[in-house]
Amino acid sequence: MSIHINLDVMMAKRKLRLKTLAQLVGITEQNLSVLKNGKAKAVRFSTLNKLCIALECQPGDILAYKEGLESDD
């Protein structure tokens, strides 16, 4: 996939554990883990918004476009 998820990097910078971030955002640890590991096919803007609030960051800090990677399409 051409979109790379940097959620683990942001969590490490903010010293937040998966369980804590899941509680702050209001989603399950399992769903957050799927997103963190880059296995998610989609992310809701409302979830991205909550992640940005909890991590005090911009969407571009979490999502990055990597040119040249294979697309799943």
N, C-alpha and C. Protein backbone atom coordinates (compact mmCIF):
# COMPACT_ATOMS: atom_id res chain seq x y z
N MET A 1 0.85 -1.18 0.00
CA MET A 1 0.00 0.00 0.00
C MET A 1 0.89 1.23 0.00
N SER A 2 0.45 2.27 -0.68
CA SER A 2 1.22 3.50 -0.79
C SER A 2 1.10 4.40 0.43
N ILE A 3 0.10 4.16 1.25
CA ILE A 3 -0.07 4.96 2.47
C ILE A 3 0.58 4.20 3.62
N HIS A 4 1.48 4.87 4.31
CA HIS A 4 2.19 4.27 5.44
C HIS A 4 1.67 4.88 6.73
N ILE A 5 1.42 4.05 7.73
CA ILE A 5 0.89 4.49 9.02
C ILE A 5 2.04 4.64 10.01
N ASN A 6 2.20 5.84 10.55
CA ASN A 6 3.25 6.13 11.52
C ASN A 6 2.72 6.23 12.94
N LEU A 7 1.63 5.53 13.21
CA LEU A 7 0.99 5.62 14.51
C LEU A 7 1.92 5.14 15.63
N ASP A 8 2.67 4.06 15.38
CA ASP A 8 3.58 3.55 16.40
C ASP A 8 4.67 4.56 16.74
N VAL A 9 5.12 5.31 15.75
CA VAL A 9 6.15 6.34 15.98
C VAL A 9 5.58 7.46 16.86
N MET A 10 4.38 7.89 16.53
CA MET A 10 3.76 8.97 17.31
C MET A 10 3.45 8.51 18.73
N MET A 11 3.04 7.27 18.88
CA MET A 11 2.77 6.74 20.22
C MET A 11 4.06 6.71 21.04
N ALA A 12 5.15 6.32 20.43
CA ALA A 12 6.43 6.28 21.13
C ALA A 12 6.88 7.68 21.52
N LYS A 13 6.71 8.64 20.61
CA LYS A 13 7.10 10.03 20.91
C LYS A 13 6.31 10.59 22.08
N ARG A 14 5.04 10.20 22.17
CA ARG A 14 4.16 10.71 23.24
C ARG A 14 4.15 9.79 24.47
N LYS A 15 4.90 8.69 24.37
CA LYS A 15 4.98 7.71 25.47
C LYS A 15 3.59 7.21 25.88
N LEU A 16 2.81 6.88 24.86
CA LEU A 16 1.45 6.36 25.09
C LEU A 16 1.40 4.89 24.71
N ARG A 17 0.79 4.10 25.55
CA ARG A 17 0.59 2.67 25.26
C ARG A 17 -0.70 2.51 24.47
N LEU A 18 -0.79 1.38 23.80
CA LEU A 18 -1.95 1.07 22.97
C LEU A 18 -3.25 1.15 23.77
N LYS A 19 -3.25 0.56 24.95
CA LYS A 19 -4.45 0.54 25.78
C LYS A 19 -4.89 1.95 26.15
N THR A 20 -3.94 2.79 26.54
CA THR A 20 -4.25 4.16 26.93
C THR A 20 -4.80 4.96 25.76
N LEU A 21 -4.14 4.84 24.60
CA LEU A 21 -4.60 5.58 23.42
C LEU A 21 -5.98 5.10 22.98
N ALA A 22 -6.21 3.80 23.04
CA ALA A 22 -7.53 3.26 22.67
C ALA A 22 -8.62 3.85 23.56
N GLN A 23 -8.34 3.98 24.85
CA GLN A 23 -9.31 4.56 25.77
C GLN A 23 -9.54 6.04 25.47
N LEU A 24 -8.47 6.78 25.16
CA LEU A 24 -8.60 8.20 24.85
C LEU A 24 -9.41 8.44 23.57
N VAL A 25 -9.21 7.57 22.59
CA VAL A 25 -9.86 7.73 21.29
C VAL A 25 -11.26 7.12 21.28
N GLY A 26 -11.48 6.12 22.13
CA GLY A 26 -12.80 5.50 22.19
C GLY A 26 -12.98 4.39 21.19
N ILE A 27 -11.89 3.67 20.86
CA ILE A 27 -12.00 2.50 20.00
C ILE A 27 -11.34 1.32 20.71
N THR A 28 -11.59 0.13 20.22
CA THR A 28 -11.02 -1.04 20.88
C THR A 28 -9.52 -1.13 20.62
N GLU A 29 -8.84 -1.80 21.53
CA GLU A 29 -7.40 -2.02 21.35
C GLU A 29 -7.14 -2.82 20.07
N GLN A 30 -8.02 -3.76 19.77
CA GLN A 30 -7.86 -4.57 18.57
C GLN A 30 -7.92 -3.72 17.31
N ASN A 31 -8.91 -2.82 17.23
CA ASN A 31 -9.03 -1.95 16.06
C ASN A 31 -7.86 -0.99 15.96
N LEU A 32 -7.40 -0.48 17.07
CA LEU A 32 -6.25 0.41 17.07
C LEU A 32 -5.00 -0.34 16.63
N SER A 33 -4.87 -1.58 17.06
CA SER A 33 -3.74 -2.42 16.67
C SER A 33 -3.73 -2.67 15.16
N VAL A 34 -4.89 -2.93 14.60
CA VAL A 34 -5.02 -3.13 13.14
C VAL A 34 -4.53 -1.88 12.41
N LEU A 35 -4.94 -0.72 12.88
CA LEU A 35 -4.51 0.53 12.27
C LEU A 35 -3.01 0.74 12.45
N LYS A 36 -2.52 0.51 13.65
CA LYS A 36 -1.10 0.72 13.96
C LYS A 36 -0.20 -0.17 13.11
N ASN A 37 -0.64 -1.38 12.85
CA ASN A 37 0.15 -2.33 12.08
C ASN A 37 -0.02 -2.20 10.57
N GLY A 38 -0.78 -1.20 10.15
CA GLY A 38 -0.95 -0.95 8.73
C GLY A 38 -1.86 -1.93 8.02
N LYS A 39 -2.69 -2.64 8.75
CA LYS A 39 -3.58 -3.64 8.17
C LYS A 39 -4.97 -3.08 7.86
N ALA A 40 -5.26 -1.86 8.32
CA ALA A 40 -6.58 -1.26 8.10
C ALA A 40 -6.75 -0.86 6.64
N LYS A 41 -7.93 -1.07 6.12
CA LYS A 41 -8.25 -0.68 4.75
C LYS A 41 -8.79 0.75 4.68
N ALA A 42 -9.24 1.26 5.83
CA ALA A 42 -9.81 2.60 5.87
C ALA A 42 -9.72 3.13 7.30
N VAL A 43 -9.81 4.44 7.41
CA VAL A 43 -9.88 5.07 8.73
C VAL A 43 -10.89 6.21 8.63
N ARG A 44 -11.77 6.27 9.59
CA ARG A 44 -12.77 7.34 9.59
C ARG A 44 -12.11 8.66 9.97
N PHE A 45 -12.61 9.74 9.39
CA PHE A 45 -12.09 11.06 9.73
C PHE A 45 -12.31 11.37 11.21
N SER A 46 -13.40 10.89 11.77
CA SER A 46 -13.66 11.14 13.18
C SER A 46 -12.62 10.43 14.05
N THR A 47 -12.20 9.23 13.65
CA THR A 47 -11.15 8.51 14.38
C THR A 47 -9.82 9.21 14.21
N LEU A 48 -9.51 9.62 13.00
CA LEU A 48 -8.26 10.36 12.74
C LEU A 48 -8.23 11.65 13.55
N ASN A 49 -9.36 12.32 13.62
CA ASN A 49 -9.46 13.55 14.41
C ASN A 49 -9.16 13.28 15.88
N LYS A 50 -9.76 12.23 16.43
CA LYS A 50 -9.54 11.89 17.84
C LYS A 50 -8.10 11.48 18.09
N LEU A 51 -7.50 10.76 17.14
CA LEU A 51 -6.09 10.39 17.28
C LEU A 51 -5.20 11.63 17.31
N CYS A 52 -5.49 12.58 16.43
CA CYS A 52 -4.70 13.81 16.38
C CYS A 52 -4.84 14.62 17.68
N ILE A 53 -6.03 14.63 18.23
CA ILE A 53 -6.25 15.33 19.50
C ILE A 53 -5.46 14.64 20.61
N ALA A 54 -5.58 13.32 20.70
CA ALA A 54 -4.92 12.56 21.77
C ALA A 54 -3.39 12.63 21.65
N LEU A 55 -2.89 12.61 20.41
CA LEU A 55 -1.44 12.61 20.20
C LEU A 55 -0.86 14.00 19.99
N GLU A 56 -1.75 15.01 19.98
CA GLU A 56 -1.34 16.40 19.75
C GLU A 56 -0.48 16.51 18.50
N CYS A 57 -1.07 16.07 17.37
CA CYS A 57 -0.33 16.07 16.11
C CYS A 57 -1.26 16.40 14.95
N GLN A 58 -0.70 16.40 13.77
CA GLN A 58 -1.44 16.64 12.54
C GLN A 58 -1.66 15.30 11.84
N PRO A 59 -2.67 15.18 10.96
CA PRO A 59 -2.89 13.93 10.24
C PRO A 59 -1.65 13.46 9.48
N GLY A 60 -0.87 14.38 8.95
CA GLY A 60 0.35 14.04 8.23
C GLY A 60 1.43 13.43 9.11
N ASP A 61 1.30 13.59 10.41
CA ASP A 61 2.24 12.94 11.33
C ASP A 61 1.91 11.46 11.48
N ILE A 62 0.67 11.10 11.20
CA ILE A 62 0.21 9.72 11.35
C ILE A 62 0.21 8.99 10.01
N LEU A 63 -0.22 9.68 8.95
CA LEU A 63 -0.32 9.09 7.62
C LEU A 63 0.72 9.69 6.70
N ALA A 64 1.40 8.84 5.93
CA ALA A 64 2.39 9.32 4.97
C ALA A 64 2.26 8.56 3.66
N TYR A 65 2.41 9.26 2.57
CA TYR A 65 2.39 8.64 1.25
C TYR A 65 3.82 8.24 0.88
N LYS A 66 4.01 6.98 0.55
CA LYS A 66 5.32 6.47 0.14
C LYS A 66 5.25 6.08 -1.33
N GLU A 67 5.91 6.84 -2.18
CA GLU A 67 5.90 6.57 -3.61
C GLU A 67 6.69 5.31 -3.93
N GLY A 68 6.18 4.55 -4.87
CA GLY A 68 6.88 3.36 -5.32
C GLY A 68 6.48 2.08 -4.62
N LEU A 69 5.69 2.17 -3.57
CA LEU A 69 5.22 0.96 -2.92
C LEU A 69 4.04 0.40 -3.69
N GLU A 70 3.91 -0.91 -3.69
CA GLU A 70 2.80 -1.56 -4.38
C GLU A 70 1.46 -1.15 -3.81
N SER A 71 0.50 -0.99 -4.67
CA SER A 71 -0.87 -0.70 -4.26
C SER A 71 -1.63 -1.99 -4.10
N ASP A 72 -2.58 -2.02 -3.15
CA ASP A 72 -3.41 -3.20 -2.94
C ASP A 72 -4.56 -3.27 -3.92
N ASP A 73 -4.75 -2.24 -4.73
CA ASP A 73 -5.89 -2.19 -5.66
C ASP A 73 -5.74 -3.17 -6.79
